[in-house]
Amino acid sequence: MGGFRKFLLRGNIVELAVAVIVGATFSGLVQALVADLITPLIGAVTGGKQPDFADYVFTVNGSQFKYGDFLNHLLSFLIIAAVVYWLVVMPMTRLITLFDRDKEATTKQCPECLSDIPTEARRCAHCTATLVPDSEKPSLADPR
């Protein structure tokens, strides 16, 4: 029972639960956006008649294919994807690059084998090439 409790209280599980709840609420918000704003906008552009894509069907041998319902879901998916990209992914990417820009590099590439090694390494762990650590390299202002 202790392992199950530990599993439930793990940080990732709680974050995932919050994400699912927020995602479900966000989905309802986008459905309302499509039904209340986007569809009337399409209707205004096409002459005042609001299209109801859910009614679009065709029949083959007695089977109904509701391609209009698919169009409604496709439109909702595209709007959700655009909103998530522009309002979540892009700002987070900018924020992460801002934070990463201030970090000092802890690795560098070996000039011989091009593998990543610590900046203060004296020998490459991959090809065993002898290196000069960055802290021991003469600067341009150093007259040595």
C-alpha atoms as a PDB file:
ATOM      1  CA  MET A   1       0.000   0.000   0.000  1.00  0.00           C
ATOM      2  CA  GLY A   2       2.927   2.335   0.690  1.00  0.00           C
ATOM      3  CA  GLY A   3       4.234   1.948  -2.860  1.00  0.00           C
ATOM      4  CA  PHE A   4       0.823   2.852  -4.294  1.00  0.00           C
ATOM      5  CA  ARG A   5       0.636   5.951  -2.091  1.00  0.00           C
ATOM      6  CA  LYS A   6       4.163   6.937  -3.161  1.00  0.00           C
ATOM      7  CA  PHE A   7       3.136   6.455  -6.811  1.00  0.00           C
ATOM      8  CA  LEU A   8       0.057   8.679  -6.407  1.00  0.00           C
ATOM      9  CA  LEU A   9       1.937  11.420  -4.614  1.00  0.00           C
ATOM     10  CA  ARG A  10       4.754  11.525  -7.132  1.00  0.00           C
ATOM     11  CA  GLY A  11       5.045  14.984  -8.691  1.00  0.00           C
ATOM     12  CA  ASN A  12       4.558  13.850 -12.275  1.00  0.00           C
ATOM     13  CA  ILE A  13       1.207  12.190 -11.526  1.00  0.00           C
ATOM     14  CA  VAL A  14      -0.185  15.326  -9.905  1.00  0.00           C
ATOM     15  CA  GLU A  15       1.061  17.482 -12.772  1.00  0.00           C
ATOM     16  CA  LEU A  16      -0.467  15.088 -15.290  1.00  0.00           C
ATOM     17  CA  ALA A  17      -3.827  15.169 -13.488  1.00  0.00           C
ATOM     18  CA  VAL A  18      -3.805  18.964 -13.503  1.00  0.00           C
ATOM     19  CA  ALA A  19      -2.910  18.959 -17.212  1.00  0.00           C
ATOM     20  CA  VAL A  20      -5.801  16.607 -18.038  1.00  0.00           C
ATOM     21  CA  ILE A  21      -8.290  18.758 -16.111  1.00  0.00           C
ATOM     22  CA  VAL A  22      -7.049  21.979 -17.682  1.00  0.00           C
ATOM     23  CA  GLY A  23      -7.034  20.309 -21.122  1.00  0.00           C
ATOM     24  CA  ALA A  24     -10.640  19.154 -20.760  1.00  0.00           C
ATOM     25  CA  THR A  25     -11.721  22.636 -19.700  1.00  0.00           C
ATOM     26  CA  PHE A  26      -9.713  24.167 -22.523  1.00  0.00           C
ATOM     27  CA  SER A  27     -11.395  21.825 -24.992  1.00  0.00           C
ATOM     28  CA  GLY A  28     -14.815  23.061 -23.870  1.00  0.00           C
ATOM     29  CA  LEU A  29     -13.624  26.636 -24.249  1.00  0.00           C
ATOM     30  CA  VAL A  30     -12.416  26.008 -27.797  1.00  0.00           C
ATOM     31  CA  GLN A  31     -15.664  24.192 -28.697  1.00  0.00           C
ATOM     32  CA  ALA A  32     -17.557  27.298 -27.545  1.00  0.00           C
ATOM     33  CA  LEU A  33     -15.167  29.501 -29.550  1.00  0.00           C
ATOM     34  CA  VAL A  34     -15.853  27.486 -32.691  1.00  0.00           C
ATOM     35  CA  ALA A  35     -19.634  27.340 -32.163  1.00  0.00           C
ATOM     36  CA  ASP A  36     -20.145  30.925 -30.975  1.00  0.00           C
ATOM     37  CA  LEU A  37     -17.524  32.926 -32.873  1.00  0.00           C
ATOM     38  CA  ILE A  38     -15.838  31.067 -35.742  1.00  0.00           C
ATOM     39  CA  THR A  39     -18.956  29.508 -37.274  1.00  0.00           C
ATOM     40  CA  PRO A  40     -20.911  32.830 -37.240  1.00  0.00           C
ATOM     41  CA  LEU A  41     -17.836  34.523 -38.735  1.00  0.00           C
ATOM     42  CA  ILE A  42     -17.829  31.988 -41.567  1.00  0.00           C
ATOM     43  CA  GLY A  43     -21.549  32.627 -41.965  1.00  0.00           C
ATOM     44  CA  ALA A  44     -20.977  36.386 -42.180  1.00  0.00           C
ATOM     45  CA  VAL A  45     -18.333  35.914 -44.858  1.00  0.00           C
ATOM     46  CA  THR A  46     -20.488  33.498 -46.882  1.00  0.00           C
ATOM     47  CA  GLY A  47     -23.600  35.694 -46.940  1.00  0.00           C
ATOM     48  CA  GLY A  48     -25.216  35.619 -43.537  1.00  0.00           C
ATOM     49  CA  LYS A  49     -26.155  31.942 -43.409  1.00  0.00           C
ATOM     50  CA  GLN A  50     -24.330  30.231 -40.550  1.00  0.00           C
ATOM     51  CA  PRO A  51     -23.058  26.887 -41.759  1.00  0.00           C
ATOM     52  CA  ASP A  52     -23.756  23.898 -39.572  1.00  0.00           C
ATOM     53  CA  PHE A  53     -21.178  21.408 -40.739  1.00  0.00           C
ATOM     54  CA  ALA A  54     -22.701  18.679 -38.560  1.00  0.00           C
ATOM     55  CA  ASP A  55     -25.600  18.376 -41.025  1.00  0.00           C
ATOM     56  CA  TYR A  56     -23.343  17.624 -43.997  1.00  0.00           C
ATOM     57  CA  VAL A  57     -23.697  13.939 -44.887  1.00  0.00           C
ATOM     58  CA  PHE A  58     -23.645  11.688 -47.917  1.00  0.00           C
ATOM     59  CA  THR A  59     -25.142   8.243 -48.285  1.00  0.00           C
ATOM     60  CA  VAL A  60     -23.682   5.168 -49.989  1.00  0.00           C
ATOM     61  CA  ASN A  61     -25.748   1.966 -50.068  1.00  0.00           C
ATOM     62  CA  GLY A  62     -27.801   3.086 -47.083  1.00  0.00           C
ATOM     63  CA  SER A  63     -24.784   4.020 -44.938  1.00  0.00           C
ATOM     64  CA  GLN A  64     -24.512   7.648 -43.842  1.00  0.00           C
ATOM     65  CA  PHE A  65     -21.117   9.322 -43.822  1.00  0.00           C
ATOM     66  CA  LYS A  66     -21.162  12.397 -41.576  1.00  0.00           C
ATOM     67  CA  TYR A  67     -18.251  14.308 -43.023  1.00  0.00           C
ATOM     68  CA  GLY A  68     -19.623  17.571 -41.607  1.00  0.00           C
ATOM     69  CA  ASP A  69     -19.118  16.341 -38.054  1.00  0.00           C
ATOM     70  CA  PHE A  70     -15.554  15.456 -39.029  1.00  0.00           C
ATOM     71  CA  LEU A  71     -15.093  19.010 -40.366  1.00  0.00           C
ATOM     72  CA  ASN A  72     -16.297  20.422 -37.031  1.00  0.00           C
ATOM     73  CA  HIS A  73     -13.797  18.290 -35.119  1.00  0.00           C
ATOM     74  CA  LEU A  74     -11.008  19.096 -37.587  1.00  0.00           C
ATOM     75  CA  LEU A  75     -11.674  22.808 -37.205  1.00  0.00           C
ATOM     76  CA  SER A  76     -11.647  22.464 -33.416  1.00  0.00           C
ATOM     77  CA  PHE A  77      -8.367  20.524 -33.539  1.00  0.00           C
ATOM     78  CA  LEU A  78      -6.703  23.130 -35.753  1.00  0.00           C
ATOM     79  CA  ILE A  79      -7.829  25.960 -33.486  1.00  0.00           C
ATOM     80  CA  ILE A  80      -6.644  24.114 -30.360  1.00  0.00           C
ATOM     81  CA  ALA A  81      -3.290  23.371 -32.011  1.00  0.00           C
ATOM     82  CA  ALA A  82      -2.865  27.010 -33.087  1.00  0.00           C
ATOM     83  CA  VAL A  83      -3.803  28.402 -29.675  1.00  0.00           C
ATOM     84  CA  VAL A  84      -1.515  25.971 -27.851  1.00  0.00           C
ATOM     85  CA  TYR A  85       1.347  26.744 -30.232  1.00  0.00           C
ATOM     86  CA  TRP A  86       1.005  30.542 -30.153  1.00  0.00           C
ATOM     87  CA  LEU A  87       0.020  30.986 -26.503  1.00  0.00           C
ATOM     88  CA  VAL A  88       1.965  28.170 -24.799  1.00  0.00           C
ATOM     89  CA  VAL A  89       4.771  26.714 -26.943  1.00  0.00           C
ATOM     90  CA  MET A  90       6.169  29.933 -28.418  1.00  0.00           C
ATOM     91  CA  PRO A  91       6.299  31.886 -25.107  1.00  0.00           C
ATOM     92  CA  MET A  92       7.809  28.891 -23.286  1.00  0.00           C
ATOM     93  CA  THR A  93      10.438  28.469 -26.009  1.00  0.00           C
ATOM     94  CA  ARG A  94      11.374  32.142 -25.733  1.00  0.00           C
ATOM     95  CA  LEU A  95      11.489  31.923 -21.943  1.00  0.00           C
ATOM     96  CA  ILE A  96      13.711  28.823 -22.008  1.00  0.00           C
ATOM     97  CA  THR A  97      16.131  30.410 -24.480  1.00  0.00           C
ATOM     98  CA  LEU A  98      16.256  33.504 -22.270  1.00  0.00           C
ATOM     99  CA  PHE A  99      17.217  31.396 -19.252  1.00  0.00           C
ATOM    100  CA  ASP A 100      19.677  29.254 -21.227  1.00  0.00           C
ATOM    101  CA  ARG A 101      21.423  32.296 -22.661  1.00  0.00           C
ATOM    102  CA  ASP A 102      22.550  33.346 -19.183  1.00  0.00           C
ATOM    103  CA  LYS A 103      23.975  29.916 -18.298  1.00  0.00           C
ATOM    104  CA  GLU A 104      27.697  29.406 -18.593  1.00  0.00           C
ATOM    105  CA  ALA A 105      28.715  26.514 -20.799  1.00  0.00           C
ATOM    106  CA  THR A 106      29.851  23.442 -18.858  1.00  0.00           C
ATOM    107  CA  THR A 107      30.873  21.375 -21.882  1.00  0.00           C
ATOM    108  CA  LYS A 108      32.781  21.907 -25.079  1.00  0.00           C
ATOM    109  CA  GLN A 109      33.560  19.822 -28.139  1.00  0.00           C
ATOM    110  CA  CYS A 110      36.767  17.864 -28.389  1.00  0.00           C
ATOM    111  CA  PRO A 111      38.720  19.229 -31.393  1.00  0.00           C
ATOM    112  CA  GLU A 112      39.756  15.689 -32.377  1.00  0.00           C
ATOM    113  CA  CYS A 113      36.598  13.565 -32.131  1.00  0.00           C
ATOM    114  CA  LEU A 114      33.932  16.313 -31.704  1.00  0.00           C
ATOM    115  CA  SER A 115      32.345  14.612 -28.671  1.00  0.00           C
ATOM    116  CA  ASP A 116      31.081  16.697 -25.735  1.00  0.00           C
ATOM    117  CA  ILE A 117      33.524  16.925 -22.829  1.00  0.00           C
ATOM    118  CA  PRO A 118      33.731  19.099 -19.667  1.00  0.00           C
ATOM    119  CA  THR A 119      35.291  22.530 -20.283  1.00  0.00           C
ATOM    120  CA  GLU A 120      38.036  21.909 -17.723  1.00  0.00           C
ATOM    121  CA  ALA A 121      39.017  18.471 -19.093  1.00  0.00           C
ATOM    122  CA  ARG A 122      42.729  17.850 -19.753  1.00  0.00           C
ATOM    123  CA  ARG A 123      42.128  14.702 -21.788  1.00  0.00           C
ATOM    124  CA  CYS A 124      39.159  13.589 -23.903  1.00  0.00           C
ATOM    125  CA  ALA A 125      37.394  10.571 -22.413  1.00  0.00           C
ATOM    126  CA  HIS A 126      36.449   9.316 -25.883  1.00  0.00           C
ATOM    127  CA  CYS A 127      39.600   9.642 -27.986  1.00  0.00           C
ATOM    128  CA  THR A 128      42.148  10.390 -25.211  1.00  0.00           C
ATOM    129  CA  ALA A 129      43.440  13.509 -26.999  1.00  0.00           C
ATOM    130  CA  THR A 130      45.423  15.844 -24.730  1.00  0.00           C
ATOM    131  CA  LEU A 131      43.636  19.170 -24.245  1.00  0.00           C
ATOM    132  CA  VAL A 132      44.286  22.522 -22.595  1.00  0.00           C
ATOM    133  CA  PRO A 133      41.470  23.523 -20.196  1.00  0.00           C
ATOM    134  CA  ASP A 134      39.727  26.818 -20.993  1.00  0.00           C
ATOM    135  CA  SER A 135      40.910  28.318 -17.696  1.00  0.00           C
ATOM    136  CA  GLU A 136      44.567  27.786 -18.666  1.00  0.00           C
ATOM    137  CA  LYS A 137      44.343  29.197 -22.204  1.00  0.00           C
ATOM    138  CA  PRO A 138      46.019  32.608 -22.555  1.00  0.00           C
ATOM    139  CA  SER A 139      43.613  35.491 -23.121  1.00  0.00           C
ATOM    140  CA  LEU A 140      44.142  38.131 -25.790  1.00  0.00           C
ATOM    141  CA  ALA A 141      45.057  40.676 -23.125  1.00  0.00           C
ATOM    142  CA  ASP A 142      47.685  38.307 -21.637  1.00  0.00           C
ATOM    143  CA  PRO A 143      51.127  39.114 -23.203  1.00  0.00           C
ATOM    144  CA  ARG A 144      52.573  35.576 -22.651  1.00  0.00           C
END
